Amino acid sequence: MSRNVTVDTTVMKLDNAQFEPILTKEVIQLRGIFRKYKHELRIVGGAVRDLLREVEPRDIDFATTANVYEMKNIFYKENIYMINLKGEKHGTVTVHINNKNFEITTLRIQKRLEDATDPSMWQTDASKRDLTVNAMFLDFNGSLYDFFNGYNDLLQKRVVFVDDAFSRITEDYLRILRYFRFYGSLAEEPFQYDESTLKIIKAYAAGLSVISGERIWSELKKILSSTYAKELMLEMIECDIPQYCGLIEKPNVNEFKRACSAVKGKSNLNPISLAVALLNNVMQAIKMHERLKLTAFERDLSFFIIQERDKVDKTYIGLNDYQEIYLKRHVKREFIEELLKYSNKENLYFAFKDWDGKLNAPEE
C-alpha cells in the first residue's frame, strides 16, 4: 500500500491545552533562535504522533529549512553546545540545552528556496520520509502539516509507506524493519498487512544484507520488545527476512513461540533472549553477534541461554542447582534469572531473585 500527496496539507490545528505543554523553555529558546536567523523550525516524528494520540511526548525532534553548516554556525554564535557529531552526515545536529538533548534535521531537498516559508520544501521532505505517520510536521501555532494522509492512518492504526513501497524501501532497506516495528507500536491485532507491500518486502529483503548490524539490531530490539513480538517475527519469517539480519535461513519457530509465551510475571524477556530462541546452537549465536555487533552483555547472555536452555528440567531441577551455577561458576545473577524466565520457571525465578546469595548453613 502507498499513499500519494493530498491537496489540503493543513488538516487540523491542535488546541492550546493539547499543544502548549510541550512548549518548554528549551523548545521556545530553539524556536526563537531559528526565527532570529530567518529559518523555519517544525516538530516532526514521534512527538507529533504522540500529541495526536494525546500521549505526552518523551522526546521532541525537529526539522528545519537550515542546512547542517548553517545550523552549526547558528549554534556556535548562540553558544549552544552540540553533541553526537556522527549525525551530521545524515543532516542531523544534536544540541544539549539544560540537560536535555534535541535532534534537529535539515530538510531532505535538492535545493533550498530563498523563501524559507515556501511549503513546497516541506512537501518535498515529506515525500522522502518512510511512512505516512512519520511525514507530518507541527508548527509552533499548533498547525499540522500532513501531505500524505498520515493523521488518518494514525487514527486507523495503519502503517503505510509514503508514495510507494518500492521507492521508499530501495532508498533504505532498513525501512523493511521499520515497517514491522511501527506495526508493533501503532497497530492492533489482527494486523492488516497490505499484501502488495508484503510482496515487495519479500522481493527486496536481501537488501538488508548491506545494512550495518548496529542499525539492524536497533530495529530488531524494538520489534522483539513489542507486545506483538511473536506475530511480527513470524510474519517477517514468512517474508524471508531473518537470514539477512544476522539470524538463520530456517529459524527455530517452535522454540521461539515457546519462549514468547513463557513469561507470566511482570518482567519481560530481554530482546536478545527472543533472538537467540530462533537459533539452534552456539555457533549460530556467534555469527549473530558478529553480524549485529552486540554489546558484551548481550553476547554473553545469548551464549549462556543457548548453551544452558536444554539442561533445564534435566541437569537443573531445583533452586539449589541454580544457586550452584551462581556460586561455583560465577555466572551473572541476571543471566540465571533470564534463563528461568525464558524457561517459564516462574516460581524458581522469584525464589532465586529473592535469594540473598548465600547458602544456608547446615543444621547441627
Protein backbone atom coordinates (compact mmCIF):
# COMPACT_ATOMS: atom_id res chain seq x y z
CA MET A 1 0.00 0.00 0.00
CA SER A 2 1.23 3.52 -0.75
CA ARG A 3 -0.17 6.98 -0.33
CA ASN A 4 0.01 9.89 -2.76
CA VAL A 5 0.08 13.55 -1.86
CA THR A 6 -3.07 15.20 -0.59
CA VAL A 7 -4.34 18.62 -1.65
CA ASP A 8 -5.23 20.08 1.77
CA THR A 9 -1.99 19.83 3.71
CA THR A 10 -3.08 21.55 6.93
CA VAL A 11 -5.70 19.12 8.14
CA MET A 12 -6.16 20.35 11.67
CA LYS A 13 -4.96 22.63 14.41
CA LEU A 14 -4.29 21.34 17.89
CA ASP A 15 -5.95 23.21 20.72
CA ASN A 16 -3.78 25.04 23.21
CA ALA A 17 -4.34 22.57 26.04
CA GLN A 18 -3.06 19.75 23.84
CA PHE A 19 -0.12 21.57 22.32
CA GLU A 20 1.22 24.16 24.75
CA PRO A 21 2.57 21.76 27.42
CA ILE A 22 5.43 20.78 25.10
CA LEU A 23 6.47 24.42 24.68
CA THR A 24 9.11 24.19 27.37
CA LYS A 25 11.62 26.98 27.82
CA GLU A 26 14.16 24.94 25.82
CA VAL A 27 11.75 24.49 22.91
CA ILE A 28 10.83 28.18 23.00
CA GLN A 29 14.53 29.03 23.04
CA LEU A 30 15.14 26.92 19.92
CA ARG A 31 12.15 28.47 18.17
CA GLY A 32 13.48 31.95 18.92
CA ILE A 33 16.97 31.12 17.68
CA PHE A 34 15.76 29.85 14.30
CA ARG A 35 13.39 32.78 13.88
CA LYS A 36 16.28 35.13 14.61
CA TYR A 37 18.23 33.65 11.69
CA LYS A 38 15.12 33.51 9.46
CA HIS A 39 14.84 29.73 9.27
CA GLU A 40 11.70 27.76 9.88
CA LEU A 41 11.61 25.07 12.54
CA ARG A 42 8.86 22.45 12.96
CA ILE A 43 8.28 19.46 15.23
CA VAL A 44 8.46 16.12 13.47
CA GLY A 45 8.37 12.37 14.15
CA GLY A 46 7.33 10.65 17.34
CA ALA A 47 6.38 13.82 19.20
CA VAL A 48 3.78 14.62 16.53
CA ARG A 49 2.35 11.10 16.67
CA ASP A 50 2.22 11.23 20.46
CA LEU A 51 0.44 14.57 20.56
CA LEU A 52 -2.14 13.38 18.03
CA ARG A 53 -2.77 10.32 20.19
CA GLU A 54 -2.95 12.53 23.30
CA VAL A 55 0.18 10.96 24.74
CA GLU A 56 2.88 13.09 26.36
CA PRO A 57 5.96 13.01 24.08
CA ARG A 58 9.12 11.51 25.54
CA ASP A 59 11.41 13.26 23.06
CA ILE A 60 10.94 16.16 20.69
CA ASP A 61 12.72 16.17 17.34
CA PHE A 62 12.71 18.96 14.80
CA ALA A 63 13.11 19.58 11.08
CA THR A 64 14.38 22.86 9.69
CA THR A 65 15.00 24.75 6.48
CA ALA A 66 18.58 25.45 7.63
CA ASN A 67 21.31 23.13 6.38
CA VAL A 68 23.90 21.50 8.65
CA TYR A 69 26.53 24.18 8.02
CA GLU A 70 24.03 26.94 8.84
CA MET A 71 22.84 25.14 11.99
CA LYS A 72 26.39 24.67 13.27
CA ASN A 73 27.16 28.31 12.62
CA ILE A 74 23.97 29.40 14.38
CA PHE A 75 24.60 27.28 17.46
CA TYR A 76 28.23 28.40 17.62
CA LYS A 77 27.13 32.03 17.64
CA GLU A 78 24.44 31.35 20.25
CA ASN A 79 26.80 29.33 22.48
CA ILE A 80 24.63 26.23 22.22
CA TYR A 81 26.53 23.01 22.90
CA MET A 82 26.43 20.39 20.11
CA ILE A 83 26.93 16.66 20.65
CA ASN A 84 26.97 13.41 18.62
CA LEU A 85 28.70 14.81 15.54
CA LYS A 86 28.23 11.48 13.72
CA GLY A 87 24.70 12.56 12.87
CA GLU A 88 25.90 15.38 10.65
CA LYS A 89 26.42 13.07 7.67
CA HIS A 90 22.70 12.32 7.85
CA GLY A 91 21.81 16.00 8.15
CA THR A 92 21.18 15.92 11.89
CA VAL A 93 22.62 18.22 14.54
CA THR A 94 22.03 17.32 18.19
CA VAL A 95 22.09 20.11 20.75
CA HIS A 96 22.26 19.94 24.54
CA ILE A 97 20.25 22.53 26.45
CA ASN A 98 19.61 22.37 30.21
CA ASN A 99 20.48 18.66 30.35
CA LYS A 100 18.09 17.88 27.50
CA ASN A 101 19.02 16.72 24.01
CA PHE A 102 17.22 17.78 20.84
CA GLU A 103 17.80 16.39 17.34
CA ILE A 104 17.32 18.87 14.51
CA THR A 105 17.46 17.57 10.94
CA THR A 106 17.76 19.59 7.77
CA LEU A 107 15.05 19.13 5.15
CA ARG A 108 15.85 16.47 2.56
CA ILE A 109 15.59 18.60 -0.54
CA GLN A 110 17.77 19.16 -3.59
CA LYS A 111 17.67 22.95 -3.48
CA ARG A 112 16.67 25.40 -0.80
CA LEU A 113 14.47 28.30 -1.83
CA GLU A 114 15.01 31.92 -0.85
CA ASP A 115 11.62 31.97 0.82
CA ALA A 116 12.14 29.79 3.91
CA THR A 117 8.37 29.54 4.39
CA ASP A 118 7.72 28.05 0.94
CA PRO A 119 5.56 24.95 1.64
CA SER A 120 6.99 23.04 -1.33
CA MET A 121 10.22 22.40 0.61
CA TRP A 122 8.29 20.69 3.40
CA GLN A 123 6.25 18.69 0.92
CA THR A 124 9.44 17.53 -0.81
CA ASP A 125 10.93 16.45 2.51
CA ALA A 126 7.75 14.62 3.48
CA SER A 127 7.82 12.72 0.17
CA LYS A 128 11.23 11.28 1.11
CA ARG A 129 10.21 10.01 4.55
CA ASP A 130 9.42 6.35 5.07
CA LEU A 131 5.88 6.11 6.45
CA THR A 132 2.90 8.44 6.29
CA VAL A 133 2.72 8.64 10.09
CA ASN A 134 6.30 9.94 10.07
CA ALA A 135 5.70 12.53 7.34
CA MET A 136 3.73 15.03 9.40
CA PHE A 137 5.01 18.36 10.73
CA LEU A 138 3.70 20.55 13.52
CA ASP A 139 4.46 24.26 13.71
CA PHE A 140 4.54 26.42 16.81
CA ASN A 141 0.99 27.62 16.25
CA GLY A 142 -0.26 24.05 16.61
CA SER A 143 -0.98 23.61 12.89
CA LEU A 144 -0.47 20.12 11.49
CA TYR A 145 1.02 19.77 8.01
CA ASP A 146 0.03 16.39 6.64
CA PHE A 147 0.92 15.78 3.00
CA PHE A 148 0.21 12.04 2.81
CA ASN A 149 -2.86 11.45 5.00
CA GLY A 150 -0.72 10.30 7.93
CA TYR A 151 -3.18 11.56 10.53
CA ASN A 152 -5.96 9.38 9.17
CA ASP A 153 -3.60 6.39 9.00
CA LEU A 154 -2.64 7.04 12.62
CA LEU A 155 -6.30 7.09 13.68
CA GLN A 156 -6.96 3.89 11.73
CA LYS A 157 -3.72 2.32 13.08
CA ARG A 158 -2.45 1.68 9.57
CA VAL A 159 1.21 1.52 8.58
CA VAL A 160 1.60 2.84 5.05
CA PHE A 161 4.67 3.80 3.01
CA VAL A 162 4.84 7.30 1.61
CA ASP A 163 4.07 7.41 -2.11
CA ASP A 164 5.05 3.81 -2.96
CA ALA A 165 6.67 0.97 -1.06
CA PHE A 166 9.21 0.10 -3.75
CA SER A 167 10.75 3.58 -3.85
CA ARG A 168 10.90 4.00 -0.09
CA ILE A 169 12.37 0.54 0.54
CA THR A 170 15.03 0.71 -2.16
CA GLU A 171 16.15 4.10 -0.81
CA ASP A 172 16.96 2.47 2.52
CA TYR A 173 16.35 -1.24 3.09
CA LEU A 174 16.21 -0.71 6.86
CA ARG A 175 12.71 0.62 6.23
CA ILE A 176 11.61 -3.00 5.90
CA LEU A 177 12.25 -3.47 9.61
CA ARG A 178 10.80 -0.08 10.46
CA TYR A 179 7.57 -1.14 8.73
CA PHE A 180 7.17 -4.05 11.14
CA ARG A 181 8.42 -2.06 14.11
CA PHE A 182 5.75 0.59 13.63
CA TYR A 183 3.10 -2.09 13.28
CA GLY A 184 4.17 -3.29 16.70
CA SER A 185 3.84 0.16 18.26
CA LEU A 186 0.81 1.57 16.44
CA ALA A 187 -1.39 -1.23 15.18
CA GLU A 188 -3.72 -3.61 16.95
CA GLU A 189 -4.36 -7.27 16.33
CA PRO A 190 -5.16 -8.64 13.91
CA PHE A 191 -2.53 -6.90 11.81
CA GLN A 192 -3.97 -5.87 8.47
CA TYR A 193 -0.87 -6.06 6.33
CA ASP A 194 -1.22 -4.90 2.77
CA GLU A 195 -0.43 -7.91 0.57
CA SER A 196 1.18 -5.84 -2.19
CA THR A 197 3.52 -4.25 0.38
CA LEU A 198 4.47 -7.65 1.81
CA LYS A 199 5.20 -8.88 -1.70
CA ILE A 200 7.65 -6.01 -2.28
CA ILE A 201 9.23 -6.54 1.14
CA LYS A 202 9.82 -10.22 0.39
CA ALA A 203 11.25 -9.43 -3.03
CA TYR A 204 13.78 -6.96 -1.60
CA ALA A 205 14.50 -8.48 1.82
CA ALA A 206 18.02 -9.35 0.67
CA GLY A 207 18.76 -5.63 0.62
CA LEU A 208 19.07 -5.78 4.40
CA SER A 209 22.37 -7.63 3.93
CA VAL A 210 24.05 -4.31 3.07
CA ILE A 211 22.72 -2.53 6.18
CA SER A 212 25.05 -2.26 9.16
CA GLY A 213 24.49 -4.68 12.00
CA GLU A 214 24.15 -1.85 14.51
CA ARG A 215 21.22 -0.32 12.62
CA ILE A 216 19.54 -3.69 12.16
CA TRP A 217 19.86 -4.64 15.82
CA SER A 218 18.50 -1.24 16.88
CA GLU A 219 15.28 -2.00 14.97
CA LEU A 220 15.15 -5.69 15.88
CA LYS A 221 15.38 -4.87 19.57
CA LYS A 222 12.31 -2.66 19.30
CA ILE A 223 10.41 -5.34 17.37
CA LEU A 224 11.34 -8.02 19.91
CA SER A 225 10.35 -5.70 22.77
CA SER A 226 6.90 -5.19 21.29
CA THR A 227 3.75 -6.70 22.75
CA TYR A 228 3.36 -8.39 19.38
CA ALA A 229 6.92 -9.67 19.03
CA LYS A 230 5.75 -13.17 18.16
CA GLU A 231 3.28 -12.08 15.49
CA LEU A 232 5.69 -9.59 13.94
CA MET A 233 8.61 -12.01 13.78
CA LEU A 234 6.50 -14.83 12.34
CA GLU A 235 5.39 -12.52 9.53
CA MET A 236 9.00 -11.46 8.99
CA ILE A 237 9.96 -15.13 8.71
CA GLU A 238 7.27 -15.55 6.04
CA CYS A 239 8.94 -12.68 4.18
CA ASP A 240 12.38 -14.40 4.35
CA ILE A 241 13.84 -11.54 6.39
CA PRO A 242 15.75 -13.18 9.32
CA GLN A 243 18.58 -14.66 7.26
CA TYR A 244 19.64 -11.15 6.22
CA CYS A 245 19.52 -9.85 9.81
CA GLY A 246 22.14 -12.00 11.48
CA LEU A 247 19.75 -14.86 12.20
CA ILE A 248 19.35 -18.04 10.15
CA GLU A 249 17.51 -19.03 6.99
CA LYS A 250 15.24 -21.51 8.76
CA PRO A 251 14.65 -20.17 12.27
CA ASN A 252 13.65 -22.38 15.18
CA VAL A 253 10.00 -21.32 15.09
CA ASN A 254 8.76 -23.76 17.73
CA GLU A 255 11.33 -22.65 20.31
CA PHE A 256 10.62 -19.01 19.50
CA LYS A 257 6.88 -19.46 20.03
CA ARG A 258 7.52 -21.27 23.31
CA ALA A 259 9.83 -18.50 24.54
CA CYS A 260 7.31 -15.81 23.60
CA SER A 261 4.63 -17.46 25.70
CA ALA A 262 6.93 -18.29 28.63
CA VAL A 263 6.79 -15.14 30.71
CA LYS A 264 3.82 -14.85 33.05
CA GLY A 265 5.23 -12.37 35.58
CA LYS A 266 5.75 -8.66 35.22
CA SER A 267 9.25 -8.90 33.78
CA ASN A 268 9.70 -9.26 30.03
CA LEU A 269 12.43 -11.22 28.35
CA ASN A 270 15.48 -9.39 27.09
CA PRO A 271 15.17 -8.97 23.29
CA ILE A 272 18.40 -10.95 22.81
CA SER A 273 16.77 -13.93 24.53
CA LEU A 274 13.99 -13.96 21.95
CA ALA A 275 16.52 -13.52 19.16
CA VAL A 276 18.56 -16.49 20.36
CA ALA A 277 15.38 -18.56 20.65
CA LEU A 278 15.32 -18.52 16.85
CA LEU A 279 18.74 -20.22 16.74
CA ASN A 280 19.79 -23.83 17.22
CA ASN A 281 23.34 -23.76 18.55
CA VAL A 282 26.09 -21.56 19.91
CA MET A 283 27.88 -21.26 16.55
CA GLN A 284 24.81 -19.57 15.14
CA ALA A 285 24.81 -17.26 18.18
CA ILE A 286 28.45 -16.38 17.48
CA LYS A 287 27.58 -15.50 13.87
CA MET A 288 24.63 -13.43 15.09
CA HIS A 289 26.95 -11.48 17.37
CA GLU A 290 29.46 -10.91 14.55
CA ARG A 291 26.69 -9.58 12.30
CA LEU A 292 24.77 -7.44 14.81
CA LYS A 293 27.70 -6.16 16.91
CA LEU A 294 26.00 -6.98 20.20
CA THR A 295 27.13 -5.49 23.48
CA ALA A 296 29.29 -7.73 25.68
CA PHE A 297 26.30 -8.27 27.99
CA GLU A 298 24.01 -9.26 25.10
CA ARG A 299 26.67 -11.52 23.58
CA ASP A 300 27.37 -13.37 26.82
CA LEU A 301 23.69 -13.68 27.68
CA SER A 302 22.90 -15.14 24.27
CA PHE A 303 25.70 -17.71 24.63
CA PHE A 304 24.52 -18.63 28.13
CA ILE A 305 20.87 -19.07 27.13
CA ILE A 306 21.56 -21.24 24.11
CA GLN A 307 24.11 -23.40 25.93
CA GLU A 308 22.03 -23.94 29.06
CA ARG A 309 18.39 -23.98 27.94
CA ASP A 310 18.33 -27.73 27.18
CA LYS A 311 19.64 -28.52 30.69
CA VAL A 312 16.56 -27.07 32.39
CA ASP A 313 14.49 -29.86 33.97
CA LYS A 314 17.34 -32.28 33.24
CA THR A 315 20.56 -31.09 34.85
CA TYR A 316 18.96 -28.11 36.59
CA ILE A 317 15.89 -29.02 38.62
CA GLY A 318 15.67 -27.29 42.00
CA LEU A 319 16.63 -23.89 43.37
CA ASN A 320 19.93 -25.22 44.70
CA ASP A 321 21.02 -26.14 41.18
CA TYR A 322 20.71 -22.53 40.05
CA GLN A 323 22.37 -21.31 43.23
CA GLU A 324 25.34 -23.53 42.44
CA ILE A 325 25.62 -22.06 38.95
CA TYR A 326 25.98 -18.65 40.56
CA LEU A 327 28.32 -19.65 43.38
CA LYS A 328 30.55 -22.17 41.64
CA ARG A 329 30.59 -20.91 38.05
CA HIS A 330 30.34 -17.19 38.88
CA VAL A 331 27.62 -16.64 36.30
CA LYS A 332 25.85 -13.27 36.50
CA ARG A 333 22.65 -13.42 38.51
CA GLU A 334 20.87 -11.59 35.68
CA PHE A 335 21.76 -14.43 33.31
CA ILE A 336 20.33 -17.09 35.62
CA GLU A 337 17.18 -15.06 36.20
CA GLU A 338 16.80 -14.63 32.44
CA LEU A 339 17.21 -18.38 31.86
CA LEU A 340 14.48 -19.09 34.41
CA LYS A 341 12.10 -16.60 32.78
CA TYR A 342 12.98 -17.96 29.34
CA SER A 343 12.22 -21.49 30.59
CA ASN A 344 8.89 -20.49 32.14
CA LYS A 345 10.08 -21.33 35.65
CA GLU A 346 8.14 -18.57 37.38
CA ASN A 347 8.31 -19.92 40.94
CA LEU A 348 12.02 -20.68 40.67
CA TYR A 349 12.59 -17.27 39.12
CA PHE A 350 11.05 -15.41 42.07
CA ALA A 351 12.72 -17.72 44.58
CA PHE A 352 16.13 -17.14 43.02
CA LYS A 353 15.50 -13.41 42.72
CA ASP A 354 14.68 -13.21 46.43
CA TRP A 355 17.69 -15.33 47.43
CA ASP A 356 20.35 -13.38 49.34
CA GLY A 357 23.23 -15.04 47.50
CA LYS A 358 24.37 -17.19 50.42
CA LEU A 359 23.86 -20.86 51.07
CA ASN A 360 22.18 -21.68 54.35
CA ALA A 361 24.49 -23.17 56.97
CA PRO A 362 23.91 -26.89 57.54
CA GLU A 363 21.88 -27.77 60.64
CA GLU A 364 23.86 -29.10 63.64
